Amino acid sequence: MTQHQQPVNRAKRSWRFLTSALVGMLFVLGIVSTQGVTGWAKERYTELQLFAKVLNLVQQYYVEEVDTQKLIYGGIKGMLRELDPHTNFLEPSIYKEFESETAGEFGGLGIEITVQEGVLTVISPIEDTPAFNAGIKAGDKIVEIDGESTKGMTLVEAATHMRGKTGSKVRLGIFREGFERPKEFSIVRGTVKVHSVKVTDLEDGYIYVKLTSFIENTAKEMKDSIKDFTKKNKRLAGMVVDLRRNPGGLLDQAVEISDLFLKSGTIVSTKGRNEKEKEVVFAKQAGTLEDFPLVVLVDEYSASASEILAGALQDNKRALIMGQRSFGKGSVQSVVKLGDGSGLKLTVARYYTPSGKSIQAEGITPDVFVENLASEVLDKAKGDKRGIKREKDIKGHLLGESEKAKQPNNKSTGKSAIDFWWAESATGDKVNLSPKETLLAGDFQVLQAYNYLRAWDVMRQFSPQGPQIPAAQAPSPNPTTTK
């Protein structure tokens, strides 16, 4: 009898510890009020007691000695698997690396990954990183890491397997449309220094700004780049902001950049479980750049913070959005550092554009649709019948507004023969191209954005206010499309 009482007593002590830890965490997140603690604890007593009993029985009777911390971590991971794919538990070593990633320098491969239909999938390789230079492409399926199958791996587990010492190698088994079987890519891990702002002078006062991600100094780098450009060129006639393949990053950086272009109005709003508690971020006039034509490029890999920036500029009619419908990652994650150095990345709210539209599983609809004629996209389009994968295609994602209303999803369209011919012949045989010529010759979408900027000045002759930027609408049977 005594032997059976001991596990029960330990279970009660474990339950008290787990309850106090969980309630403390919820206090930090503002989810539990003082008045509701007692009722909440009583309601959850049975479930937590069951967890504690199982933990105690494993500790007491499992055939071999067990690592209690490993069991607790495993239990937390299993619990979070029942939620959306962006909610994750970060063990201490992973949390430490997570902090360094947002600072813009970290060790690894330099790829953004997600899980689509149960398969580890590359959202986008970050430019000028080991993965990018090795030929890893957006949409690649990672089926093996160093010979181990990724089936059933969480994002955090996969990231752990891919991390390692700088200079060491990791072997990725990649399946890509057109491959008959997975192909092995051997990549040397390196110190990834993310340069999130890249500028090309388009001459005559026009500037192209590529934002690869939103890290700690992105807004400052962009301000400095614009300042240097204006000082050199004496004026800023127009700008192309390229958010294609930008997986997002820090919200405050997207807000700060949005504020550069907006004198007033809403930038973004968030709503958590209690929809009445709405947080709204407004633009400030101080520090706003002067008005000039602005075109923003997005594609199916523009996610999160990228969509916030595009949505803010679109709804405030400050920029023309071009390209393809964006990824549709419109959920807010808060990262809570826990007592042992681990962290909890928890989805706590949804993003809404200034007009009140939810980005989640919807994405940003461009004002002007422009096909991406890059060779790697064309190769995929020739044989891929499944369509482009976005947030809405990820198993377990938060449902978007149209999904809740059971509206049909939009499907990507095919490409004509002329599109393939244009892409193959676009660069021609010209050598010694300038940075501007190289960019415009090899990137159809940027070329179209540049043409719109130039046309803006022409249109001013016919209207003192210049061309009006259309409000975004859902695609019609015949949407505006440039090919």
Protein backbone atom coordinates (compact mmCIF):
# COMPACT_ATOMS: atom_id res chain seq x y z
CA MET A 1 0.00 0.00 0.00
CA THR A 2 2.84 2.33 0.86
CA GLN A 3 4.43 1.76 -2.53
CA HIS A 4 1.26 2.89 -4.28
CA GLN A 5 0.82 5.98 -2.11
CA GLN A 6 4.27 7.35 -2.89
CA PRO A 7 3.63 8.00 -6.61
CA VAL A 8 0.34 9.73 -5.74
CA ASN A 9 2.04 12.06 -3.27
CA ARG A 10 4.79 12.87 -5.78
CA ALA A 11 2.12 13.47 -8.39
CA LYS A 12 0.42 16.04 -6.18
CA ARG A 13 3.71 17.87 -5.61
CA SER A 14 4.46 17.78 -9.34
CA TRP A 15 0.96 19.04 -10.11
CA ARG A 16 1.38 21.99 -7.74
CA PHE A 17 4.68 22.88 -9.37
CA LEU A 18 3.27 22.61 -12.89
CA THR A 19 0.17 24.61 -12.00
CA SER A 20 2.11 27.46 -10.42
CA ALA A 21 4.54 27.56 -13.34
CA LEU A 22 1.75 27.58 -15.93
CA VAL A 23 -0.31 30.20 -14.09
CA GLY A 24 2.80 32.36 -13.75
CA MET A 25 3.41 32.14 -17.48
CA LEU A 26 -0.19 33.08 -18.24
CA PHE A 27 0.10 36.09 -15.93
CA VAL A 28 3.05 37.25 -18.03
CA LEU A 29 0.93 36.95 -21.15
CA GLY A 30 -2.00 38.73 -19.54
CA ILE A 31 -4.34 35.79 -20.09
CA VAL A 32 -5.32 35.05 -16.47
CA SER A 33 -6.76 37.59 -14.03
CA THR A 34 -6.47 37.33 -10.24
CA GLN A 35 -10.19 36.66 -9.85
CA GLY A 36 -10.10 33.84 -12.39
CA VAL A 37 -7.09 31.93 -11.04
CA THR A 38 -8.96 29.82 -8.50
CA GLY A 39 -11.69 28.77 -10.89
CA TRP A 40 -9.19 28.10 -13.67
CA ALA A 41 -7.00 25.95 -11.39
CA LYS A 42 -9.96 23.84 -10.21
CA GLU A 43 -11.15 23.32 -13.77
CA ARG A 44 -7.73 22.12 -14.92
CA TYR A 45 -6.93 20.06 -11.80
CA THR A 46 -7.94 16.69 -13.25
CA GLU A 47 -5.99 17.14 -16.49
CA LEU A 48 -2.82 18.37 -14.78
CA GLN A 49 -3.03 15.66 -12.15
CA LEU A 50 -3.19 13.06 -14.93
CA PHE A 51 -0.06 14.51 -16.54
CA ALA A 52 1.77 14.55 -13.23
CA LYS A 53 0.78 10.95 -12.47
CA VAL A 54 2.06 9.72 -15.83
CA LEU A 55 5.31 11.63 -15.33
CA ASN A 56 5.73 10.16 -11.86
CA LEU A 57 4.99 6.60 -12.98
CA VAL A 58 7.57 6.87 -15.77
CA GLN A 59 10.14 8.22 -13.30
CA GLN A 60 9.36 5.48 -10.81
CA TYR A 61 8.90 2.37 -12.90
CA TYR A 62 10.32 2.81 -16.42
CA VAL A 63 12.82 0.05 -17.21
CA GLU A 64 15.75 2.50 -17.38
CA GLU A 65 16.70 5.76 -15.73
CA VAL A 66 15.05 8.70 -17.45
CA ASP A 67 15.97 12.36 -17.84
CA THR A 68 13.09 14.24 -16.19
CA GLN A 69 13.84 17.47 -18.02
CA LYS A 70 13.77 15.63 -21.33
CA LEU A 71 10.36 14.20 -20.44
CA ILE A 72 8.99 17.62 -19.46
CA TYR A 73 10.30 19.20 -22.67
CA GLY A 74 8.82 16.34 -24.69
CA GLY A 75 5.47 16.79 -22.97
CA ILE A 76 5.44 20.51 -23.74
CA LYS A 77 6.34 19.88 -27.39
CA GLY A 78 3.57 17.30 -27.69
CA MET A 79 1.07 19.75 -26.20
CA LEU A 80 2.03 22.51 -28.62
CA ARG A 81 1.72 20.18 -31.62
CA GLU A 82 -2.03 20.42 -31.09
CA LEU A 83 -1.89 24.16 -31.86
CA ASP A 84 -0.90 26.05 -35.01
CA PRO A 85 2.51 25.38 -36.64
CA HIS A 86 3.94 28.75 -35.57
CA THR A 87 3.65 27.94 -31.86
CA ASN A 88 6.84 26.25 -30.65
CA PHE A 89 8.84 25.43 -27.55
CA LEU A 90 12.46 26.57 -27.74
CA GLU A 91 14.96 24.69 -25.62
CA PRO A 92 17.65 26.88 -23.99
CA SER A 93 20.27 26.39 -26.73
CA ILE A 94 17.70 27.01 -29.46
CA TYR A 95 16.29 30.07 -27.69
CA LYS A 96 19.77 31.53 -27.48
CA GLU A 97 20.26 31.07 -31.22
CA PHE A 98 16.79 32.52 -31.83
CA GLU A 99 17.88 35.74 -30.11
CA SER A 100 21.03 35.93 -32.24
CA GLU A 101 19.04 35.40 -35.45
CA THR A 102 16.94 38.51 -34.89
CA ALA A 103 20.18 40.44 -34.36
CA GLY A 104 21.14 39.63 -37.94
CA GLU A 105 24.12 37.31 -37.38
CA PHE A 106 24.00 33.62 -36.55
CA GLY A 107 25.56 30.29 -37.41
CA GLY A 108 23.82 27.94 -39.82
CA LEU A 109 22.58 27.65 -43.39
CA GLY A 110 20.40 30.72 -43.85
CA ILE A 111 16.99 29.32 -44.81
CA GLU A 112 13.46 30.00 -43.61
CA ILE A 113 11.46 26.78 -43.28
CA THR A 114 7.91 25.67 -42.54
CA VAL A 115 5.90 22.45 -42.61
CA GLN A 116 3.49 22.01 -45.52
CA GLU A 117 1.33 18.89 -45.79
CA GLY A 118 3.58 17.21 -43.23
CA VAL A 119 6.76 17.90 -45.23
CA LEU A 120 9.58 20.22 -44.21
CA THR A 121 9.55 22.95 -46.85
CA VAL A 122 11.80 25.91 -47.64
CA ILE A 123 9.93 29.23 -47.60
CA SER A 124 12.94 31.09 -48.84
CA PRO A 125 16.75 30.94 -48.68
CA ILE A 126 18.18 34.20 -47.39
CA GLU A 127 20.34 35.82 -50.05
CA ASP A 128 24.12 35.46 -49.85
CA THR A 129 23.98 32.64 -47.29
CA PRO A 130 25.41 29.10 -47.54
CA ALA A 131 22.00 27.65 -48.50
CA PHE A 132 21.39 30.31 -51.15
CA ASN A 133 24.85 29.85 -52.66
CA ALA A 134 24.43 26.05 -52.66
CA GLY A 135 21.33 26.35 -54.86
CA ILE A 136 18.55 25.76 -52.33
CA LYS A 137 15.32 27.28 -53.68
CA ALA A 138 11.98 28.38 -52.29
CA GLY A 139 9.54 25.47 -52.35
CA ASP A 140 12.22 22.79 -51.96
CA LYS A 141 11.13 19.82 -49.82
CA ILE A 142 13.72 18.74 -47.24
CA VAL A 143 13.15 15.00 -46.88
CA GLU A 144 16.42 14.08 -45.16
CA ILE A 145 19.00 15.76 -42.94
CA ASP A 146 22.33 13.92 -42.74
CA GLY A 147 20.60 10.74 -43.87
CA GLU A 148 17.80 10.97 -41.30
CA SER A 149 14.22 11.25 -42.54
CA THR A 150 12.46 14.51 -41.65
CA LYS A 151 9.06 12.82 -41.58
CA GLY A 152 7.32 13.83 -38.36
CA MET A 153 9.97 16.42 -37.41
CA THR A 154 8.82 19.73 -35.96
CA LEU A 155 10.34 22.99 -37.15
CA VAL A 156 12.40 23.29 -33.99
CA GLU A 157 13.70 19.72 -34.28
CA ALA A 158 14.63 20.24 -37.93
CA ALA A 159 16.41 23.50 -37.11
CA THR A 160 18.35 21.72 -34.36
CA HIS A 161 19.53 19.06 -36.82
CA MET A 162 20.68 21.66 -39.33
CA ARG A 163 22.62 23.75 -36.82
CA GLY A 164 26.26 23.00 -36.09
CA LYS A 165 29.75 24.40 -35.93
CA THR A 166 30.81 26.89 -38.55
CA GLY A 167 32.79 25.06 -41.24
CA SER A 168 31.08 21.72 -40.69
CA LYS A 169 28.95 20.11 -43.38
CA VAL A 170 25.31 19.13 -43.40
CA ARG A 171 23.71 16.93 -46.07
CA LEU A 172 20.17 17.83 -47.11
CA GLY A 173 18.04 15.47 -49.15
CA ILE A 174 16.03 17.80 -51.41
CA PHE A 175 13.02 16.89 -53.49
CA ARG A 176 12.10 19.50 -56.08
CA GLU A 177 9.56 19.55 -58.88
CA GLY A 178 11.28 17.95 -61.86
CA PHE A 179 13.45 15.65 -59.71
CA GLU A 180 12.76 11.94 -60.16
CA ARG A 181 14.17 11.28 -56.70
CA PRO A 182 15.61 13.41 -53.88
CA LYS A 183 18.97 14.99 -54.61
CA GLU A 184 21.62 15.45 -51.95
CA PHE A 185 22.96 18.97 -51.32
CA SER A 186 26.09 19.17 -49.19
CA ILE A 187 26.30 22.57 -47.53
CA VAL A 188 29.07 24.00 -45.37
CA ARG A 189 27.67 25.77 -42.34
CA GLY A 190 28.78 29.34 -41.95
CA THR A 191 28.28 32.45 -39.91
CA VAL A 192 25.25 33.98 -41.53
CA LYS A 193 25.36 37.76 -41.65
CA VAL A 194 22.07 39.01 -42.96
CA HIS A 195 22.23 42.22 -45.00
CA SER A 196 18.56 42.99 -45.03
CA VAL A 197 18.70 46.12 -47.24
CA LYS A 198 20.13 46.09 -50.76
CA VAL A 199 19.99 49.12 -53.06
CA THR A 200 20.37 49.54 -56.83
CA ASP A 201 20.51 52.98 -58.44
CA LEU A 202 18.02 53.00 -61.32
CA GLU A 203 19.34 56.42 -62.37
CA ASP A 204 17.43 59.67 -62.96
CA GLY A 205 16.44 59.75 -59.29
CA TYR A 206 14.84 56.29 -59.23
CA ILE A 207 15.90 53.75 -56.60
CA TYR A 208 15.34 50.02 -56.12
CA VAL A 209 15.37 48.77 -52.51
CA LYS A 210 15.40 45.04 -51.79
CA LEU A 211 14.36 44.04 -48.25
CA THR A 212 15.40 40.44 -47.62
CA SER A 213 14.08 40.26 -44.02
CA PHE A 214 13.16 42.41 -41.03
CA ILE A 215 15.88 42.25 -38.38
CA GLU A 216 16.99 44.64 -35.66
CA ASN A 217 18.59 47.31 -37.86
CA THR A 218 16.54 47.01 -41.05
CA ALA A 219 14.68 50.32 -40.64
CA LYS A 220 17.90 52.20 -39.81
CA GLU A 221 19.72 50.66 -42.79
CA MET A 222 16.89 51.65 -45.08
CA LYS A 223 16.84 55.23 -43.79
CA ASP A 224 20.60 55.50 -44.22
CA SER A 225 20.41 54.07 -47.76
CA ILE A 226 17.72 56.54 -48.80
CA LYS A 227 19.65 59.41 -47.23
CA ASP A 228 22.84 58.47 -49.10
CA PHE A 229 20.93 58.06 -52.37
CA THR A 230 19.20 61.43 -52.03
CA LYS A 231 22.46 63.18 -51.19
CA LYS A 232 24.13 61.69 -54.25
CA ASN A 233 21.26 62.19 -56.71
CA LYS A 234 19.87 65.46 -55.30
CA ARG A 235 16.32 64.10 -55.58
CA LEU A 236 14.19 60.98 -55.15
CA ALA A 237 11.89 60.64 -58.16
CA GLY A 238 10.47 57.21 -57.35
CA MET A 239 11.13 53.95 -55.52
CA VAL A 240 10.61 50.23 -55.98
CA VAL A 241 10.49 48.32 -52.69
CA ASP A 242 11.01 44.61 -53.29
CA LEU A 243 9.46 42.33 -50.65
CA ARG A 244 9.53 39.16 -52.73
CA ARG A 245 10.81 36.10 -50.87
CA ASN A 246 10.95 38.15 -47.68
CA PRO A 247 9.75 35.79 -44.92
CA GLY A 248 9.21 38.59 -42.39
CA GLY A 249 10.82 39.12 -39.02
CA LEU A 250 10.43 41.83 -36.39
CA LEU A 251 7.10 43.66 -36.33
CA ASP A 252 8.55 46.93 -35.03
CA GLN A 253 10.83 47.17 -38.07
CA ALA A 254 7.92 46.76 -40.49
CA VAL A 255 6.00 49.43 -38.57
CA GLU A 256 8.93 51.84 -38.58
CA ILE A 257 9.45 51.45 -42.33
CA SER A 258 5.72 51.90 -42.96
CA ASP A 259 5.88 55.10 -40.92
CA LEU A 260 8.58 56.41 -43.26
CA PHE A 261 6.02 56.69 -46.05
CA LEU A 262 2.84 57.55 -44.11
CA LYS A 263 2.05 60.92 -42.54
CA SER A 264 -1.03 59.66 -40.71
CA GLY A 265 -3.49 56.79 -40.53
CA THR A 266 -3.40 53.23 -39.26
CA ILE A 267 -0.41 51.01 -39.96
CA VAL A 268 -1.61 47.74 -38.46
CA SER A 269 -3.94 46.44 -35.78
CA THR A 270 -3.98 43.20 -33.80
CA LYS A 271 -6.75 41.26 -32.09
CA GLY A 272 -6.25 38.42 -29.67
CA ARG A 273 -8.76 35.96 -28.24
CA ASN A 274 -10.85 38.84 -26.92
CA GLU A 275 -11.67 40.71 -30.11
CA LYS A 276 -12.84 43.72 -28.12
CA GLU A 277 -9.25 44.27 -26.97
CA LYS A 278 -7.84 45.68 -30.18
CA GLU A 279 -4.39 47.23 -30.42
CA VAL A 280 -3.83 49.78 -33.16
CA VAL A 281 -0.54 51.29 -34.37
CA PHE A 282 -0.78 54.72 -36.01
CA ALA A 283 1.62 56.55 -38.32
CA LYS A 284 3.31 59.74 -37.15
CA GLN A 285 4.04 62.73 -39.34
CA ALA A 286 7.49 63.33 -37.88
CA GLY A 287 10.23 61.79 -40.03
CA THR A 288 7.94 60.99 -42.97
CA LEU A 289 9.62 61.12 -46.38
CA GLU A 290 8.34 63.49 -49.04
CA ASP A 291 5.75 62.13 -51.47
CA PHE A 292 7.07 60.33 -54.53
CA PRO A 293 5.80 57.41 -56.66
CA LEU A 294 6.18 54.15 -54.78
CA VAL A 295 5.74 50.59 -56.11
CA VAL A 296 5.95 47.54 -53.83
CA LEU A 297 6.63 44.05 -55.18
CA VAL A 298 5.25 40.97 -53.39
CA ASP A 299 5.01 37.29 -54.24
CA GLU A 300 3.80 34.03 -52.74
CA TYR A 301 6.81 33.95 -50.40
CA SER A 302 6.29 37.45 -48.94
CA ALA A 303 5.10 36.71 -45.40
CA SER A 304 4.29 38.20 -42.01
CA ALA A 305 6.07 41.56 -41.56
CA SER A 306 6.31 41.90 -45.35
CA GLU A 307 2.54 41.66 -45.59
CA ILE A 308 2.08 44.21 -42.83
CA LEU A 309 4.21 46.74 -44.72
CA ALA A 310 2.49 46.04 -48.05
CA GLY A 311 -0.97 46.13 -46.47
CA ALA A 312 -0.32 49.43 -44.68
CA LEU A 313 0.89 51.15 -47.85
CA GLN A 314 -1.88 49.66 -49.97
CA ASP A 315 -4.81 50.50 -47.70
CA ASN A 316 -3.53 54.03 -47.15
CA LYS A 317 -3.20 54.41 -50.93
CA ARG A 318 0.45 55.33 -50.59
CA ALA A 319 1.88 52.65 -52.90
CA LEU A 320 0.94 50.50 -55.86
CA ILE A 321 1.28 46.81 -54.94
CA MET A 322 2.47 44.60 -57.80
CA GLY A 323 3.30 40.94 -58.25
CA GLN A 324 1.41 37.95 -56.89
CA ARG A 325 -0.78 37.23 -53.88
CA SER A 326 1.39 37.04 -50.76
CA PHE A 327 1.88 34.09 -48.41
CA GLY A 328 -0.87 34.87 -45.89
CA LYS A 329 0.90 34.53 -42.55
CA GLY A 330 -1.16 36.94 -40.45
CA SER A 331 -0.70 35.67 -36.92
CA VAL A 332 1.18 37.33 -34.07
CA GLN A 333 3.73 35.42 -32.01
CA SER A 334 4.98 36.50 -28.60
CA VAL A 335 8.19 34.96 -27.33
CA VAL A 336 8.34 34.41 -23.57
CA LYS A 337 11.65 33.57 -21.93
CA LEU A 338 11.15 30.89 -19.29
CA GLY A 339 13.04 30.38 -16.07
CA ASP A 340 15.51 27.74 -17.27
CA GLY A 341 16.59 29.74 -20.35
CA SER A 342 14.09 28.09 -22.68
CA GLY A 343 11.40 30.01 -24.50
CA LEU A 344 7.81 29.74 -25.62
CA LYS A 345 6.88 31.12 -29.02
CA LEU A 346 3.11 31.44 -28.76
CA THR A 347 0.52 32.66 -31.27
CA VAL A 348 -1.46 35.29 -29.40
CA ALA A 349 -3.27 37.39 -32.03
CA ARG A 350 -4.02 38.07 -35.68
CA TYR A 351 -2.86 40.97 -37.83
CA TYR A 352 -5.31 43.24 -39.62
CA THR A 353 -4.57 45.78 -42.34
CA PRO A 354 -5.79 49.40 -41.90
CA SER A 355 -9.03 48.55 -43.74
CA GLY A 356 -9.73 45.78 -41.22
CA LYS A 357 -8.82 42.87 -43.49
CA SER A 358 -7.23 39.81 -41.90
CA ILE A 359 -4.02 38.71 -43.58
CA GLN A 360 -4.24 35.18 -42.16
CA ALA A 361 -4.53 32.58 -44.93
CA GLU A 362 -5.66 35.42 -47.22
CA GLY A 363 -2.48 37.31 -48.05
CA ILE A 364 -2.22 40.66 -49.76
CA THR A 365 -3.89 40.89 -53.15
CA PRO A 366 -1.78 43.04 -55.48
CA ASP A 367 -3.34 45.97 -57.32
CA VAL A 368 -1.61 44.76 -60.49
CA PHE A 369 -0.84 41.10 -61.05
CA VAL A 370 2.53 40.46 -62.70
CA GLU A 371 3.78 36.95 -63.39
CA ASN A 372 7.21 35.94 -62.14
CA LEU A 373 9.17 34.80 -65.17
CA ALA A 374 12.31 33.76 -63.28
CA SER A 375 13.68 30.48 -64.61
CA GLU A 376 13.28 28.56 -61.37
CA VAL A 377 9.59 29.48 -61.19
CA LEU A 378 9.07 28.56 -64.84
CA ASP A 379 10.68 25.17 -64.33
CA LYS A 380 8.24 24.49 -61.53
CA ALA A 381 5.26 25.85 -63.45
CA LYS A 382 5.87 23.52 -66.41
CA GLY A 383 5.17 20.42 -64.39
CA ASP A 384 3.63 21.49 -61.06
CA LYS A 385 -0.11 20.83 -61.10
CA ARG A 386 -0.61 21.38 -57.39
CA GLY A 387 -0.39 25.16 -57.39
CA ILE A 388 1.67 27.44 -55.16
CA LYS A 389 1.74 26.62 -51.46
CA ARG A 390 0.96 29.36 -48.97
CA GLU A 391 0.00 29.68 -45.32
CA LYS A 392 -3.50 28.37 -46.06
CA ASP A 393 -1.96 25.10 -47.32
CA ILE A 394 -0.13 24.37 -44.06
CA LYS A 395 -1.85 21.74 -41.97
CA GLY A 396 -3.23 23.15 -38.74
CA HIS A 397 -3.03 26.82 -39.76
CA LEU A 398 -5.40 29.37 -38.26
CA LEU A 399 -8.44 29.71 -40.49
CA GLY A 400 -8.81 32.93 -42.47
CA GLU A 401 -12.02 34.90 -42.78
CA SER A 402 -12.94 33.52 -46.20
CA GLU A 403 -12.18 29.97 -45.06
CA LYS A 404 -14.52 30.42 -42.14
CA ALA A 405 -17.20 31.56 -44.56
CA LYS A 406 -16.34 28.54 -46.77
CA GLN A 407 -15.54 30.68 -49.75
CA PRO A 408 -13.60 29.01 -52.59
CA ASN A 409 -9.85 29.51 -52.62
CA ASN A 410 -8.11 31.22 -55.51
CA LYS A 411 -5.97 29.04 -57.72
CA SER A 412 -2.82 30.06 -59.48
CA THR A 413 -3.01 30.24 -63.27
CA GLY A 414 -0.76 28.70 -65.89
CA LYS A 415 1.70 30.51 -68.12
CA SER A 416 1.63 30.86 -71.89
CA ALA A 417 4.35 29.86 -74.32
CA ILE A 418 5.28 33.50 -74.87
CA ASP A 419 6.09 33.82 -71.17
CA PHE A 420 8.63 31.01 -71.36
CA TRP A 421 10.11 32.45 -74.54
CA TRP A 422 10.45 35.88 -72.95
CA ALA A 423 12.26 34.50 -69.90
CA GLU A 424 14.71 32.51 -72.01
CA SER A 425 15.54 35.44 -74.27
CA ALA A 426 15.29 38.33 -71.79
CA THR A 427 18.94 38.66 -70.88
CA GLY A 428 20.20 38.46 -74.48
CA ASP A 429 23.89 38.41 -75.31
CA LYS A 430 24.86 41.86 -74.07
CA VAL A 431 27.92 41.91 -71.81
CA ASN A 432 29.28 44.43 -69.31
CA LEU A 433 25.82 45.41 -68.11
CA SER A 434 25.49 48.11 -65.47
CA PRO A 435 23.80 47.14 -62.16
CA LYS A 436 20.61 48.80 -63.43
CA GLU A 437 20.71 46.99 -66.77
CA THR A 438 21.48 43.65 -65.11
CA LEU A 439 18.55 44.02 -62.75
CA LEU A 440 16.03 45.12 -65.35
CA ALA A 441 17.16 42.60 -67.99
CA GLY A 442 16.94 39.63 -65.66
CA ASP A 443 13.86 40.45 -63.60
CA PHE A 444 10.57 40.96 -65.42
CA GLN A 445 8.64 42.06 -62.35
CA VAL A 446 11.18 44.74 -61.43
CA LEU A 447 11.15 45.92 -65.04
CA GLN A 448 7.38 46.35 -64.90
CA ALA A 449 7.59 48.16 -61.57
CA TYR A 450 10.19 50.52 -63.02
CA ASN A 451 7.99 51.14 -66.07
CA TYR A 452 5.10 52.07 -63.79
CA LEU A 453 7.31 54.56 -61.94
CA ARG A 454 8.36 56.20 -65.19
CA ALA A 455 4.76 56.27 -66.41
CA TRP A 456 3.78 58.00 -63.17
CA ASP A 457 5.64 61.14 -64.20
CA VAL A 458 4.04 61.05 -67.64
CA MET A 459 0.58 60.69 -66.13
CA ARG A 460 1.12 63.78 -63.98
CA GLN A 461 0.86 65.81 -67.17
CA PHE A 462 -2.75 64.67 -67.53
CA SER A 463 -3.76 64.91 -63.85
CA PRO A 464 -2.36 67.39 -61.31
CA GLN A 465 -2.81 64.77 -58.60
CA GLY A 466 -1.04 62.11 -60.61
CA PRO A 467 -2.41 58.59 -61.24
CA GLN A 468 -4.72 57.30 -58.53
CA ILE A 469 -3.69 54.11 -56.77
CA PRO A 470 -6.58 51.63 -56.90
CA ALA A 471 -7.81 50.03 -53.71
CA ALA A 472 -7.06 46.30 -53.52
CA GLN A 473 -9.87 43.97 -54.40
CA ALA A 474 -10.25 40.24 -54.56
CA PRO A 475 -9.31 38.87 -57.98
CA SER A 476 -12.11 39.13 -60.49
CA PRO A 477 -12.57 36.66 -63.38
CA ASN A 478 -10.33 38.98 -65.43
CA PRO A 479 -7.94 40.70 -62.96
CA THR A 480 -5.44 43.28 -64.10
CA THR A 481 -2.45 41.22 -65.15
CA THR A 482 0.84 42.09 -66.76
CA LYS A 483 2.63 39.33 -68.62
